[in-house]
């Protein structure tokens, strides 16, 4: 069992308590940025998840093309701990949210393996990252634009629906994930034309 370590200020004990406590969780609405005209000039002020994405990039030195990142799928484990997938046209990353505010990118870097350029018609999804505990995992992935729905499928065939937004997805599974085994989870992706594509989450 591999547990993803964070390079942001996060109490591991608090995170564990949030998971063990079984707090009610929900997919959060994704507000859009709003545009305000001030003295004849147009100025964009980010709010909601757009602001969290912006702050997450700011809090993570070294991210490529800082201005290109935008908010994707979000999942909150509790009022204290949540995750927001951020992406640009090449890569995606997972931002940690603490008490409603942006931390930094989980792991502190961006994968050069799990990229949008590597998606194909036969595999229009890919692993991105995971938050693993003994009996629960929050799994993050990327998907092609034509992927409408995603479910994670466990070893016993149980399905956990994912929240999908702008080529990113996140799902909480009621089973743990063995990060060393590619067959722990598989993905069931439904395309916008109704076609279903399945395959292992990890390759």
C-alpha atoms as a PDB file:
ATOM      1  CA  UNK A   1       0.000   0.000   0.000  1.00  0.00           C
ATOM      2  CA  UNK A   2       1.451   3.335  -1.022  1.00  0.00           C
ATOM      3  CA  UNK A   3       0.106   6.518   0.514  1.00  0.00           C
ATOM      4  CA  UNK A   4       0.599   9.716  -1.450  1.00  0.00           C
ATOM      5  CA  UNK A   5       2.631  12.211   0.544  1.00  0.00           C
ATOM      6  CA  UNK A   6       1.867  15.909   0.335  1.00  0.00           C
ATOM      7  CA  UNK A   7       4.349  18.735   0.054  1.00  0.00           C
ATOM      8  CA  UNK A   8       1.951  21.287   1.527  1.00  0.00           C
ATOM      9  CA  UNK A   9       1.100  22.157   5.110  1.00  0.00           C
ATOM     10  CA  UNK A  10      -1.393  19.412   5.913  1.00  0.00           C
ATOM     11  CA  UNK A  11      -1.908  17.476   9.117  1.00  0.00           C
ATOM     12  CA  UNK A  12      -1.823  13.801   8.213  1.00  0.00           C
ATOM     13  CA  UNK A  13      -3.584  13.014  11.461  1.00  0.00           C
ATOM     14  CA  UNK A  14      -6.383  15.456  10.621  1.00  0.00           C
ATOM     15  CA  UNK A  15      -6.741  13.914   7.178  1.00  0.00           C
ATOM     16  CA  UNK A  16      -6.990  10.440   8.652  1.00  0.00           C
ATOM     17  CA  UNK A  17      -9.608  11.590  11.144  1.00  0.00           C
ATOM     18  CA  UNK A  18     -11.651  13.120   8.329  1.00  0.00           C
ATOM     19  CA  UNK A  19     -11.653   9.821   6.478  1.00  0.00           C
ATOM     20  CA  UNK A  20     -12.294   7.607   9.496  1.00  0.00           C
ATOM     21  CA  UNK A  21     -15.091   9.838  10.679  1.00  0.00           C
ATOM     22  CA  UNK A  22     -16.954   9.125   7.460  1.00  0.00           C
ATOM     23  CA  UNK A  23     -17.963  12.741   7.044  1.00  0.00           C
ATOM     24  CA  UNK A  24     -20.622  13.419   4.456  1.00  0.00           C
ATOM     25  CA  UNK A  25     -19.051  14.408   1.169  1.00  0.00           C
ATOM     26  CA  UNK A  26     -20.419  15.955  -1.973  1.00  0.00           C
ATOM     27  CA  UNK A  27     -19.216  17.065  -5.356  1.00  0.00           C
ATOM     28  CA  UNK A  28     -18.907  20.819  -5.214  1.00  0.00           C
ATOM     29  CA  UNK A  29     -20.356  23.144  -7.803  1.00  0.00           C
ATOM     30  CA  UNK A  30     -17.734  24.691 -10.026  1.00  0.00           C
ATOM     31  CA  UNK A  31     -18.275  28.459 -10.238  1.00  0.00           C
ATOM     32  CA  UNK A  32     -16.998  30.246 -13.321  1.00  0.00           C
ATOM     33  CA  UNK A  33     -14.821  33.318 -13.367  1.00  0.00           C
ATOM     34  CA  UNK A  34     -16.668  36.584 -13.639  1.00  0.00           C
ATOM     35  CA  UNK A  35     -15.711  39.603 -15.700  1.00  0.00           C
ATOM     36  CA  UNK A  36     -16.108  43.104 -14.271  1.00  0.00           C
ATOM     37  CA  UNK A  37     -15.708  46.402 -16.114  1.00  0.00           C
ATOM     38  CA  UNK A  38     -13.873  49.002 -14.053  1.00  0.00           C
ATOM     39  CA  UNK A  39     -13.349  52.522 -15.406  1.00  0.00           C
ATOM     40  CA  UNK A  40     -13.774  51.327 -18.962  1.00  0.00           C
ATOM     41  CA  UNK A  41     -11.216  48.542 -18.657  1.00  0.00           C
ATOM     42  CA  UNK A  42     -12.003  44.819 -18.527  1.00  0.00           C
ATOM     43  CA  UNK A  43     -10.605  42.969 -15.523  1.00  0.00           C
ATOM     44  CA  UNK A  44     -11.109  39.286 -14.713  1.00  0.00           C
ATOM     45  CA  UNK A  45     -11.491  38.388 -11.042  1.00  0.00           C
ATOM     46  CA  UNK A  46     -11.353  34.675 -10.295  1.00  0.00           C
ATOM     47  CA  UNK A  47     -13.719  33.237  -7.695  1.00  0.00           C
ATOM     48  CA  UNK A  48     -14.637  29.801  -6.328  1.00  0.00           C
ATOM     49  CA  UNK A  49     -12.646  26.944  -7.822  1.00  0.00           C
ATOM     50  CA  UNK A  50     -11.087  29.246 -10.420  1.00  0.00           C
ATOM     51  CA  UNK A  51      -9.527  31.217  -7.572  1.00  0.00           C
ATOM     52  CA  UNK A  52      -8.374  28.029  -5.830  1.00  0.00           C
ATOM     53  CA  UNK A  53      -6.715  26.880  -9.071  1.00  0.00           C
ATOM     54  CA  UNK A  54      -4.943  30.216  -9.435  1.00  0.00           C
ATOM     55  CA  UNK A  55      -3.753  30.185  -5.819  1.00  0.00           C
ATOM     56  CA  UNK A  56      -2.655  26.543  -6.061  1.00  0.00           C
ATOM     57  CA  UNK A  57      -0.429  27.360  -9.030  1.00  0.00           C
ATOM     58  CA  UNK A  58       0.958  30.359  -7.148  1.00  0.00           C
ATOM     59  CA  UNK A  59       1.718  28.135  -4.136  1.00  0.00           C
ATOM     60  CA  UNK A  60       3.572  25.553  -6.253  1.00  0.00           C
ATOM     61  CA  UNK A  61       6.833  26.965  -7.613  1.00  0.00           C
ATOM     62  CA  UNK A  62       8.046  25.548 -10.894  1.00  0.00           C
ATOM     63  CA  UNK A  63       4.725  24.644 -12.535  1.00  0.00           C
ATOM     64  CA  UNK A  64       5.088  25.121 -16.293  1.00  0.00           C
ATOM     65  CA  UNK A  65       3.095  27.924 -17.963  1.00  0.00           C
ATOM     66  CA  UNK A  66       1.524  29.247 -14.741  1.00  0.00           C
ATOM     67  CA  UNK A  67      -1.161  31.307 -16.506  1.00  0.00           C
ATOM     68  CA  UNK A  68      -2.482  28.304 -18.483  1.00  0.00           C
ATOM     69  CA  UNK A  69      -4.000  26.287 -15.597  1.00  0.00           C
ATOM     70  CA  UNK A  70      -7.745  26.060 -14.946  1.00  0.00           C
ATOM     71  CA  UNK A  71     -10.075  24.249 -12.556  1.00  0.00           C
ATOM     72  CA  UNK A  72     -11.407  20.764 -13.251  1.00  0.00           C
ATOM     73  CA  UNK A  73     -13.195  18.154 -11.135  1.00  0.00           C
ATOM     74  CA  UNK A  74     -13.370  18.633  -7.364  1.00  0.00           C
ATOM     75  CA  UNK A  75     -14.034  16.331  -4.416  1.00  0.00           C
ATOM     76  CA  UNK A  76     -14.298  17.288  -0.740  1.00  0.00           C
ATOM     77  CA  UNK A  77     -13.593  14.626   1.862  1.00  0.00           C
ATOM     78  CA  UNK A  78     -14.686  16.973   4.640  1.00  0.00           C
ATOM     79  CA  UNK A  79     -15.000  20.662   5.451  1.00  0.00           C
ATOM     80  CA  UNK A  80     -11.290  20.629   6.260  1.00  0.00           C
ATOM     81  CA  UNK A  81      -9.859  18.622   3.347  1.00  0.00           C
ATOM     82  CA  UNK A  82     -10.641  18.596  -0.360  1.00  0.00           C
ATOM     83  CA  UNK A  83      -9.014  18.131  -3.731  1.00  0.00           C
ATOM     84  CA  UNK A  84      -9.277  20.061  -6.992  1.00  0.00           C
ATOM     85  CA  UNK A  85      -7.865  18.719 -10.255  1.00  0.00           C
ATOM     86  CA  UNK A  86      -6.324  21.520 -12.305  1.00  0.00           C
ATOM     87  CA  UNK A  87      -5.263  21.265 -15.924  1.00  0.00           C
ATOM     88  CA  UNK A  88      -3.976  22.998 -19.019  1.00  0.00           C
ATOM     89  CA  UNK A  89      -3.837  21.685 -22.581  1.00  0.00           C
ATOM     90  CA  UNK A  90      -0.895  19.372 -21.842  1.00  0.00           C
ATOM     91  CA  UNK A  91      -0.956  18.255 -18.212  1.00  0.00           C
ATOM     92  CA  UNK A  92      -3.079  17.929 -15.107  1.00  0.00           C
ATOM     93  CA  UNK A  93      -2.300  17.999 -11.395  1.00  0.00           C
ATOM     94  CA  UNK A  94      -4.115  17.690  -8.072  1.00  0.00           C
ATOM     95  CA  UNK A  95      -4.420  20.672  -5.763  1.00  0.00           C
ATOM     96  CA  UNK A  96      -4.987  20.111  -2.050  1.00  0.00           C
ATOM     97  CA  UNK A  97      -7.635  22.308  -0.391  1.00  0.00           C
ATOM     98  CA  UNK A  98      -7.369  22.968   3.345  1.00  0.00           C
ATOM     99  CA  UNK A  99     -10.240  24.638   5.147  1.00  0.00           C
ATOM    100  CA  UNK A 100     -11.531  26.014   1.865  1.00  0.00           C
ATOM    101  CA  UNK A 101      -8.204  27.514   0.807  1.00  0.00           C
ATOM    102  CA  UNK A 102      -5.683  26.352  -1.768  1.00  0.00           C
ATOM    103  CA  UNK A 103      -2.577  24.538  -0.651  1.00  0.00           C
ATOM    104  CA  UNK A 104      -0.219  23.338  -3.357  1.00  0.00           C
ATOM    105  CA  UNK A 105      -0.011  20.562  -5.921  1.00  0.00           C
ATOM    106  CA  UNK A 106      -0.002  17.067  -4.397  1.00  0.00           C
ATOM    107  CA  UNK A 107       3.489  15.676  -4.756  1.00  0.00           C
ATOM    108  CA  UNK A 108       4.818  19.085  -5.702  1.00  0.00           C
ATOM    109  CA  UNK A 109       5.352  18.293  -9.367  1.00  0.00           C
ATOM    110  CA  UNK A 110       3.496  17.475 -12.592  1.00  0.00           C
ATOM    111  CA  UNK A 111       3.608  14.080 -14.283  1.00  0.00           C
ATOM    112  CA  UNK A 112       5.156  13.966 -17.716  1.00  0.00           C
ATOM    113  CA  UNK A 113       3.823  10.431 -18.242  1.00  0.00           C
ATOM    114  CA  UNK A 114       0.091  10.872 -17.688  1.00  0.00           C
ATOM    115  CA  UNK A 115      -0.526  13.606 -20.247  1.00  0.00           C
ATOM    116  CA  UNK A 116      -3.331  14.460 -22.649  1.00  0.00           C
ATOM    117  CA  UNK A 117      -1.060  13.758 -25.634  1.00  0.00           C
ATOM    118  CA  UNK A 118      -0.916  10.081 -24.601  1.00  0.00           C
ATOM    119  CA  UNK A 119      -4.706   9.525 -24.663  1.00  0.00           C
ATOM    120  CA  UNK A 120      -6.011   7.390 -27.535  1.00  0.00           C
ATOM    121  CA  UNK A 121      -9.384   6.204 -28.847  1.00  0.00           C
ATOM    122  CA  UNK A 122      -8.693   2.793 -27.285  1.00  0.00           C
ATOM    123  CA  UNK A 123      -7.704   4.351 -23.970  1.00  0.00           C
ATOM    124  CA  UNK A 124      -9.356   7.782 -23.666  1.00  0.00           C
ATOM    125  CA  UNK A 125      -8.492   8.030 -19.943  1.00  0.00           C
ATOM    126  CA  UNK A 126      -5.453   7.696 -17.729  1.00  0.00           C
ATOM    127  CA  UNK A 127      -4.324   7.620 -14.111  1.00  0.00           C
ATOM    128  CA  UNK A 128      -3.166  10.887 -12.614  1.00  0.00           C
ATOM    129  CA  UNK A 129      -2.774  10.463  -8.852  1.00  0.00           C
ATOM    130  CA  UNK A 130      -4.344   8.925  -5.742  1.00  0.00           C
ATOM    131  CA  UNK A 131      -4.932   9.596  -2.052  1.00  0.00           C
ATOM    132  CA  UNK A 132      -4.745   6.134  -0.500  1.00  0.00           C
ATOM    133  CA  UNK A 133      -5.848   4.893   2.897  1.00  0.00           C
ATOM    134  CA  UNK A 134      -6.296   1.297   4.046  1.00  0.00           C
ATOM    135  CA  UNK A 135      -9.968   0.985   3.138  1.00  0.00           C
ATOM    136  CA  UNK A 136     -10.659   4.045   0.988  1.00  0.00           C
ATOM    137  CA  UNK A 137      -9.040   5.823  -1.914  1.00  0.00           C
ATOM    138  CA  UNK A 138      -9.681   9.068  -3.753  1.00  0.00           C
ATOM    139  CA  UNK A 139      -8.561   8.528  -7.327  1.00  0.00           C
ATOM    140  CA  UNK A 140      -7.793  11.207  -9.900  1.00  0.00           C
ATOM    141  CA  UNK A 141      -7.565  10.871 -13.673  1.00  0.00           C
ATOM    142  CA  UNK A 142      -7.637  12.602 -17.035  1.00  0.00           C
ATOM    143  CA  UNK A 143      -9.901  11.893 -19.998  1.00  0.00           C
ATOM    144  CA  UNK A 144     -10.488  12.905 -23.601  1.00  0.00           C
ATOM    145  CA  UNK A 145     -13.030  15.600 -24.390  1.00  0.00           C
ATOM    146  CA  UNK A 146     -15.501  12.988 -25.677  1.00  0.00           C
ATOM    147  CA  UNK A 147     -15.673  11.114 -22.343  1.00  0.00           C
ATOM    148  CA  UNK A 148     -19.032  11.935 -20.739  1.00  0.00           C
ATOM    149  CA  UNK A 149     -19.105   9.569 -17.727  1.00  0.00           C
ATOM    150  CA  UNK A 150     -16.527   7.621 -15.744  1.00  0.00           C
ATOM    151  CA  UNK A 151     -16.827   4.914 -13.098  1.00  0.00           C
ATOM    152  CA  UNK A 152     -14.026   3.236 -11.184  1.00  0.00           C
ATOM    153  CA  UNK A 153     -14.542  -0.521 -10.938  1.00  0.00           C
ATOM    154  CA  UNK A 154     -13.128  -2.398  -7.956  1.00  0.00           C
ATOM    155  CA  UNK A 155     -11.750  -5.951  -7.776  1.00  0.00           C
ATOM    156  CA  UNK A 156     -15.209  -7.335  -6.892  1.00  0.00           C
ATOM    157  CA  UNK A 157     -16.954  -5.475  -9.722  1.00  0.00           C
ATOM    158  CA  UNK A 158     -18.333  -2.704  -7.492  1.00  0.00           C
ATOM    159  CA  UNK A 159     -18.573   0.600  -9.339  1.00  0.00           C
ATOM    160  CA  UNK A 160     -17.866   4.051  -7.889  1.00  0.00           C
ATOM    161  CA  UNK A 161     -19.085   6.925 -10.081  1.00  0.00           C
ATOM    162  CA  UNK A 162     -16.656   9.753 -10.723  1.00  0.00           C
ATOM    163  CA  UNK A 163     -17.210  13.475 -11.016  1.00  0.00           C
ATOM    164  CA  UNK A 164     -16.140  14.498 -14.532  1.00  0.00           C
ATOM    165  CA  UNK A 165     -15.239  18.040 -15.576  1.00  0.00           C
ATOM    166  CA  UNK A 166     -13.244  19.438 -18.471  1.00  0.00           C
ATOM    167  CA  UNK A 167     -11.201  16.319 -19.187  1.00  0.00           C
ATOM    168  CA  UNK A 168     -10.552  15.472 -15.531  1.00  0.00           C
ATOM    169  CA  UNK A 169     -12.253  13.103 -13.106  1.00  0.00           C
ATOM    170  CA  UNK A 170     -12.170  12.172  -9.434  1.00  0.00           C
ATOM    171  CA  UNK A 171     -13.848   9.338  -7.532  1.00  0.00           C
ATOM    172  CA  UNK A 172     -13.860   8.111  -3.959  1.00  0.00           C
ATOM    173  CA  UNK A 173     -13.850   4.324  -3.776  1.00  0.00           C
ATOM    174  CA  UNK A 174     -15.008   2.300  -0.751  1.00  0.00           C
ATOM    175  CA  UNK A 175     -12.016   0.045  -1.189  1.00  0.00           C
ATOM    176  CA  UNK A 176      -8.310   0.696  -0.847  1.00  0.00           C
ATOM    177  CA  UNK A 177      -5.947   0.704  -3.755  1.00  0.00           C
ATOM    178  CA  UNK A 178      -2.692  -1.212  -3.972  1.00  0.00           C
ATOM    179  CA  UNK A 179      -0.521   1.251  -5.849  1.00  0.00           C
ATOM    180  CA  UNK A 180       1.823  -1.550  -6.898  1.00  0.00           C
ATOM    181  CA  UNK A 181      -0.924  -3.489  -8.698  1.00  0.00           C
ATOM    182  CA  UNK A 182      -2.256  -2.183 -12.018  1.00  0.00           C
ATOM    183  CA  UNK A 183      -5.338  -4.407 -11.714  1.00  0.00           C
ATOM    184  CA  UNK A 184      -6.611  -2.965  -8.410  1.00  0.00           C
ATOM    185  CA  UNK A 185      -9.025  -0.663 -10.240  1.00  0.00           C
ATOM    186  CA  UNK A 186     -10.348  -0.477 -13.770  1.00  0.00           C
ATOM    187  CA  UNK A 187     -12.141   2.332 -15.548  1.00  0.00           C
ATOM    188  CA  UNK A 188     -15.517   2.214 -17.281  1.00  0.00           C
ATOM    189  CA  UNK A 189     -15.739   5.290 -19.506  1.00  0.00           C
ATOM    190  CA  UNK A 190     -18.873   6.191 -21.468  1.00  0.00           C
ATOM    191  CA  UNK A 191     -18.259   8.380 -24.493  1.00  0.00           C
ATOM    192  CA  UNK A 192     -20.646  11.091 -25.639  1.00  0.00           C
ATOM    193  CA  UNK A 193     -21.853   8.788 -28.448  1.00  0.00           C
ATOM    194  CA  UNK A 194     -22.807   6.074 -25.934  1.00  0.00           C
ATOM    195  CA  UNK A 195     -19.809   3.820 -26.578  1.00  0.00           C
ATOM    196  CA  UNK A 196     -18.284   2.256 -23.451  1.00  0.00           C
ATOM    197  CA  UNK A 197     -14.524   1.798 -23.153  1.00  0.00           C
ATOM    198  CA  UNK A 198     -12.999  -0.169 -20.284  1.00  0.00           C
ATOM    199  CA  UNK A 199      -9.457  -0.802 -19.158  1.00  0.00           C
ATOM    200  CA  UNK A 200      -7.093  -0.782 -16.184  1.00  0.00           C
ATOM    201  CA  UNK A 201      -6.764   2.508 -14.335  1.00  0.00           C
ATOM    202  CA  UNK A 202      -3.011   2.089 -14.083  1.00  0.00           C
ATOM    203  CA  UNK A 203      -0.911   0.785 -16.949  1.00  0.00           C
END
